[in-house]
Amino acid sequence: MAVTQLEAANKATDRGNYSEAFALINEAQRFAVSADDSALIIRVALSRGNILSYLNRAVEAQAAFDGALAEADRIGDTELAAISRIYTARRRLLGGGGNAEELRDQVRKDLAMIKKEQPALALGWTVIGLAEKELGRWDDAEKGIKSALDIHIKGEYLEPAAYDWYLIASIRSVSGQYQDALNALEEALSYDRRAENTYGLGTDWKAMGDVYKKAGKGPAADIAYRRSADIFRSINMEKEAAEVEGRINP
């Protein structure tokens, strides 16, 4: 039951349903504790911290990651301890509370300890890519994300693969490679369509609008924004739809 709830929570997280994911992960936590399964308790804590990060509850998120690391250290599981540190590095990097170069170097060390957990290995490469982006090293940033992408494609993890392309588009956009960024977003759309990830599709079209706007292509941006808003509204995400519509030129 804990594993089932954990998988459902992770799926809801990938699709932007963070409130649903939080309810599911709390149930997973209850079942994992009742089974007294340390490895499962750690995995649930990491997912719980991830969800709390998306809900902007940074203090609680870090407490979850710290708890996972403490339990991993207690049972002497170096792989789960490395994964716990990678989750913390990601939160600190995205929250603007860490030195990108130091976090990158730490994650590289942790990657050497991961032997079995392929999704965690991909997460580590994602963090490295994001750190390189923060440092303005665009080529190295894209290489990091593509290393994660290779893992996701081999494992047929469609939604994470779509997100990888979304991140690649972000790297290309910030470095002024607008057409290449649009090409990456087309790839993201392809994977999200295959996964039937409506939230991801809305997010991809929104990003496409942003890239078109940066490239000085206002009419194309507005078309992308309207597509995004329509997609969000189709799953009753009115707040997201209204936010995107606010970007359309009057």
Protein backbone atom coordinates (compact mmCIF):
# COMPACT_ATOMS: atom_id res chain seq x y z
CA MET A 1 0.00 0.00 0.00
CA ALA A 2 2.85 2.38 0.77
CA VAL A 3 4.49 1.72 -2.60
CA THR A 4 1.18 2.15 -4.42
CA GLN A 5 0.52 5.48 -2.69
CA LEU A 6 4.09 6.62 -3.29
CA GLU A 7 3.88 5.89 -7.02
CA ALA A 8 0.53 7.67 -7.25
CA ALA A 9 1.94 10.69 -5.40
CA ASN A 10 4.93 10.87 -7.75
CA LYS A 11 2.63 10.67 -10.77
CA ALA A 12 0.43 13.47 -9.40
CA THR A 13 3.56 15.57 -8.78
CA ASP A 14 4.74 15.10 -12.37
CA ARG A 15 1.34 16.39 -13.51
CA GLY A 16 1.31 19.47 -11.28
CA ASN A 17 -1.39 18.18 -8.91
CA TYR A 18 0.53 19.07 -5.78
CA SER A 19 -2.38 19.13 -3.32
CA GLU A 20 -3.44 15.66 -4.45
CA ALA A 21 0.16 14.49 -4.32
CA PHE A 22 0.54 15.76 -0.76
CA ALA A 23 -2.54 13.86 0.41
CA LEU A 24 -1.27 10.70 -1.27
CA ILE A 25 2.25 10.99 0.14
CA ASN A 26 0.90 11.47 3.66
CA GLU A 27 -0.92 8.14 3.30
CA ALA A 28 2.23 6.55 1.91
CA GLN A 29 4.14 7.85 4.92
CA ARG A 30 1.60 6.31 7.30
CA PHE A 31 1.84 2.91 5.63
CA ALA A 32 5.65 3.02 5.43
CA VAL A 33 5.96 3.85 9.13
CA SER A 34 3.49 1.12 10.06
CA ALA A 35 5.60 -1.40 8.14
CA ASP A 36 8.79 -0.08 9.80
CA ASP A 37 10.60 -0.31 6.45
CA SER A 38 13.55 2.09 6.61
CA ALA A 39 14.30 2.16 2.87
CA LEU A 40 10.66 2.84 2.09
CA ILE A 41 10.43 5.49 4.81
CA ILE A 42 13.41 7.25 3.21
CA ARG A 43 11.91 7.16 -0.31
CA VAL A 44 8.60 8.48 0.96
CA ALA A 45 10.35 11.26 2.89
CA LEU A 46 12.26 12.32 -0.23
CA SER A 47 9.08 12.48 -2.32
CA ARG A 48 7.29 14.29 0.50
CA GLY A 49 10.08 16.87 0.65
CA ASN A 50 9.90 17.28 -3.10
CA ILE A 51 6.16 17.94 -2.97
CA LEU A 52 6.57 20.38 -0.08
CA SER A 53 9.16 22.24 -2.16
CA TYR A 54 6.64 22.66 -4.97
CA LEU A 55 4.13 23.91 -2.38
CA ASN A 56 6.70 26.56 -1.31
CA ARG A 57 7.00 25.05 2.18
CA ALA A 58 10.80 25.14 2.18
CA VAL A 59 11.38 24.60 5.91
CA GLU A 60 9.19 21.48 6.00
CA ALA A 61 10.75 20.24 2.77
CA GLN A 62 14.24 20.49 4.21
CA ALA A 63 13.09 18.74 7.38
CA ALA A 64 11.87 15.83 5.25
CA PHE A 65 15.19 15.65 3.38
CA ASP A 66 17.15 15.88 6.65
CA GLY A 67 15.05 13.07 8.11
CA ALA A 68 15.70 10.90 5.07
CA LEU A 69 19.46 11.51 5.32
CA ALA A 70 19.51 10.76 9.05
CA GLU A 71 17.68 7.47 8.52
CA ALA A 72 19.98 6.52 5.62
CA ASP A 73 23.02 7.22 7.79
CA ARG A 74 21.50 5.21 10.66
CA ILE A 75 21.08 2.08 8.53
CA GLY A 76 24.39 2.64 6.72
CA ASP A 77 22.89 2.93 3.23
CA THR A 78 25.38 5.15 1.37
CA GLU A 79 23.31 5.17 -1.83
CA LEU A 80 20.16 6.47 -0.14
CA ALA A 81 22.29 8.97 1.79
CA ALA A 82 23.73 10.26 -1.49
CA ILE A 83 20.24 10.53 -2.98
CA SER A 84 19.06 12.48 0.08
CA ARG A 85 21.90 14.98 -0.37
CA ILE A 86 21.04 15.34 -4.07
CA TYR A 87 17.45 16.26 -3.18
CA THR A 88 18.75 18.86 -0.73
CA ALA A 89 21.11 20.24 -3.37
CA ARG A 90 18.23 20.60 -5.82
CA ARG A 91 16.08 22.45 -3.27
CA ARG A 92 18.92 24.79 -2.33
CA LEU A 93 19.78 25.48 -5.96
CA LEU A 94 16.21 26.23 -7.04
CA GLY A 95 15.58 28.21 -3.85
CA GLY A 96 18.60 30.42 -4.46
CA GLY A 97 20.14 29.44 -1.14
CA GLY A 98 23.28 27.67 -2.22
CA ASN A 99 26.57 28.11 -4.04
CA ALA A 100 26.03 26.58 -7.48
CA GLU A 101 29.66 25.48 -7.90
CA GLU A 102 29.82 23.82 -4.48
CA LEU A 103 26.47 22.08 -4.99
CA ARG A 104 27.56 20.84 -8.43
CA ASP A 105 30.79 19.39 -7.04
CA GLN A 106 28.98 17.70 -4.14
CA VAL A 107 26.43 16.11 -6.47
CA ARG A 108 29.21 14.79 -8.69
CA LYS A 109 30.64 12.98 -5.67
CA ASP A 110 27.23 11.64 -4.74
CA LEU A 111 26.60 10.33 -8.26
CA ALA A 112 29.54 7.94 -7.82
CA MET A 113 27.65 6.27 -4.95
CA ILE A 114 24.47 5.59 -6.92
CA LYS A 115 24.52 2.12 -8.45
CA LYS A 116 20.88 0.99 -8.74
CA GLU A 117 18.54 3.97 -8.49
CA GLN A 118 18.35 5.19 -12.10
CA PRO A 119 15.73 7.94 -11.50
CA ALA A 120 17.93 9.31 -8.72
CA LEU A 121 20.93 9.18 -11.03
CA ALA A 122 18.96 11.22 -13.54
CA LEU A 123 18.02 13.70 -10.82
CA GLY A 124 21.68 14.16 -9.98
CA TRP A 125 22.52 14.99 -13.59
CA THR A 126 19.58 17.41 -13.63
CA VAL A 127 20.96 19.22 -10.59
CA ILE A 128 24.39 19.40 -12.23
CA GLY A 129 22.79 20.84 -15.36
CA LEU A 130 20.89 23.44 -13.35
CA ALA A 131 24.05 24.39 -11.46
CA GLU A 132 25.96 24.85 -14.71
CA LYS A 133 23.10 27.00 -16.00
CA GLU A 134 23.35 29.14 -12.87
CA LEU A 135 27.08 29.52 -13.59
CA GLY A 136 26.37 30.57 -17.20
CA ARG A 137 28.05 27.49 -18.67
CA TRP A 138 25.40 26.78 -21.30
CA ASP A 139 27.03 23.85 -23.10
CA ASP A 140 27.84 22.03 -19.85
CA ALA A 141 24.33 22.77 -18.57
CA GLU A 142 22.76 21.14 -21.61
CA LYS A 143 25.11 18.16 -21.37
CA GLY A 144 24.00 17.59 -17.77
CA ILE A 145 20.31 17.65 -18.65
CA LYS A 146 20.89 15.41 -21.68
CA SER A 147 22.56 12.85 -19.42
CA ALA A 148 19.34 12.80 -17.40
CA LEU A 149 17.32 12.63 -20.62
CA ASP A 150 19.22 9.54 -21.78
CA ILE A 151 18.32 7.75 -18.54
CA HIS A 152 14.67 8.75 -18.78
CA ILE A 153 14.35 7.68 -22.41
CA LYS A 154 15.95 4.28 -21.73
CA GLY A 155 13.59 3.75 -18.80
CA GLU A 156 10.59 5.04 -20.78
CA TYR A 157 9.89 7.74 -18.20
CA LEU A 158 7.89 9.97 -20.54
CA GLU A 159 6.96 12.86 -18.23
CA PRO A 160 10.49 13.33 -16.85
CA ALA A 161 11.84 13.17 -20.42
CA ALA A 162 9.43 15.93 -21.40
CA TYR A 163 10.63 18.00 -18.46
CA ASP A 164 14.24 17.44 -19.52
CA TRP A 165 13.47 18.96 -22.92
CA TYR A 166 11.68 21.82 -21.15
CA LEU A 167 14.85 22.51 -19.14
CA ILE A 168 17.00 22.30 -22.26
CA ALA A 169 14.70 24.86 -23.87
CA SER A 170 15.18 27.13 -20.85
CA ILE A 171 18.97 26.88 -21.15
CA ARG A 172 18.86 27.66 -24.86
CA SER A 173 16.44 30.53 -24.36
CA VAL A 174 18.49 32.27 -21.65
CA SER A 175 21.57 31.98 -23.89
CA GLY A 176 19.71 33.61 -26.80
CA GLN A 177 19.26 30.48 -28.93
CA TYR A 178 15.57 31.05 -29.52
CA GLN A 179 14.95 28.72 -32.47
CA ASP A 180 16.84 25.91 -30.76
CA ALA A 181 14.75 26.55 -27.64
CA LEU A 182 11.56 26.24 -29.68
CA ASN A 183 12.84 22.99 -31.17
CA ALA A 184 13.42 21.65 -27.65
CA LEU A 185 9.89 22.62 -26.64
CA GLU A 186 8.52 20.73 -29.63
CA GLU A 187 10.29 17.67 -28.22
CA ALA A 188 8.78 18.36 -24.78
CA LEU A 189 5.32 18.58 -26.34
CA SER A 190 5.87 15.27 -28.11
CA TYR A 191 6.70 13.43 -24.88
CA ASP A 192 3.90 15.09 -22.91
CA ARG A 193 1.41 14.13 -25.61
CA ARG A 194 2.56 10.51 -25.44
CA ALA A 195 2.21 10.61 -21.66
CA GLU A 196 -1.19 12.36 -21.93
CA ASN A 197 0.20 14.90 -19.46
CA THR A 198 -2.18 17.82 -19.88
CA TYR A 199 -0.47 19.97 -17.26
CA GLY A 200 2.86 19.46 -19.00
CA LEU A 201 1.34 20.42 -22.36
CA GLY A 202 -0.02 23.65 -20.93
CA THR A 203 3.35 24.45 -19.40
CA ASP A 204 5.18 23.70 -22.67
CA TRP A 205 2.94 26.00 -24.69
CA LYS A 206 3.33 28.74 -22.08
CA ALA A 207 7.12 28.45 -22.35
CA MET A 208 6.84 28.53 -26.13
CA GLY A 209 4.94 31.80 -25.85
CA ASP A 210 7.69 33.22 -23.64
CA VAL A 211 10.38 32.25 -26.15
CA TYR A 212 8.46 33.73 -29.06
CA LYS A 213 8.01 36.96 -27.09
CA LYS A 214 11.73 37.16 -26.31
CA ALA A 215 12.45 36.60 -30.00
CA GLY A 216 10.22 39.56 -30.89
CA LYS A 217 7.48 37.42 -32.44
CA GLY A 218 4.42 38.80 -30.65
CA PRO A 219 1.64 37.23 -32.79
CA ALA A 220 3.20 33.76 -32.50
CA ALA A 221 3.59 34.27 -28.75
CA ASP A 222 -0.08 35.14 -28.36
CA ILE A 223 -1.12 32.02 -30.28
CA ALA A 224 1.01 29.87 -27.97
CA TYR A 225 -0.37 31.60 -24.86
CA ARG A 226 -3.97 31.05 -25.99
CA ARG A 227 -3.22 27.38 -26.63
CA SER A 228 -1.71 27.08 -23.16
CA ALA A 229 -4.68 28.79 -21.50
CA ASP A 230 -7.15 26.54 -23.33
CA ILE A 231 -5.26 23.45 -22.20
CA PHE A 232 -5.12 24.56 -18.56
CA ARG A 233 -8.82 25.44 -18.63
CA SER A 234 -9.66 21.99 -20.03
CA ILE A 235 -8.51 20.48 -16.70
CA ASN A 236 -10.10 23.22 -14.59
CA MET A 237 -6.83 24.97 -13.77
CA GLU A 238 -8.41 28.41 -13.96
CA LYS A 239 -5.67 30.19 -12.03
CA GLU A 240 -2.98 28.96 -14.44
CA ALA A 241 -5.15 29.78 -17.45
CA ALA A 242 -5.78 33.32 -16.25
CA GLU A 243 -2.07 33.87 -15.55
CA VAL A 244 -1.16 32.85 -19.10
CA GLU A 245 -3.91 34.99 -20.61
CA GLY A 246 -2.43 37.95 -18.76
CA ARG A 247 0.65 37.62 -20.99
CA ILE A 248 -1.32 38.07 -24.20
CA ASN A 249 -0.99 41.48 -25.84
CA PRO A 250 -4.31 43.36 -25.61
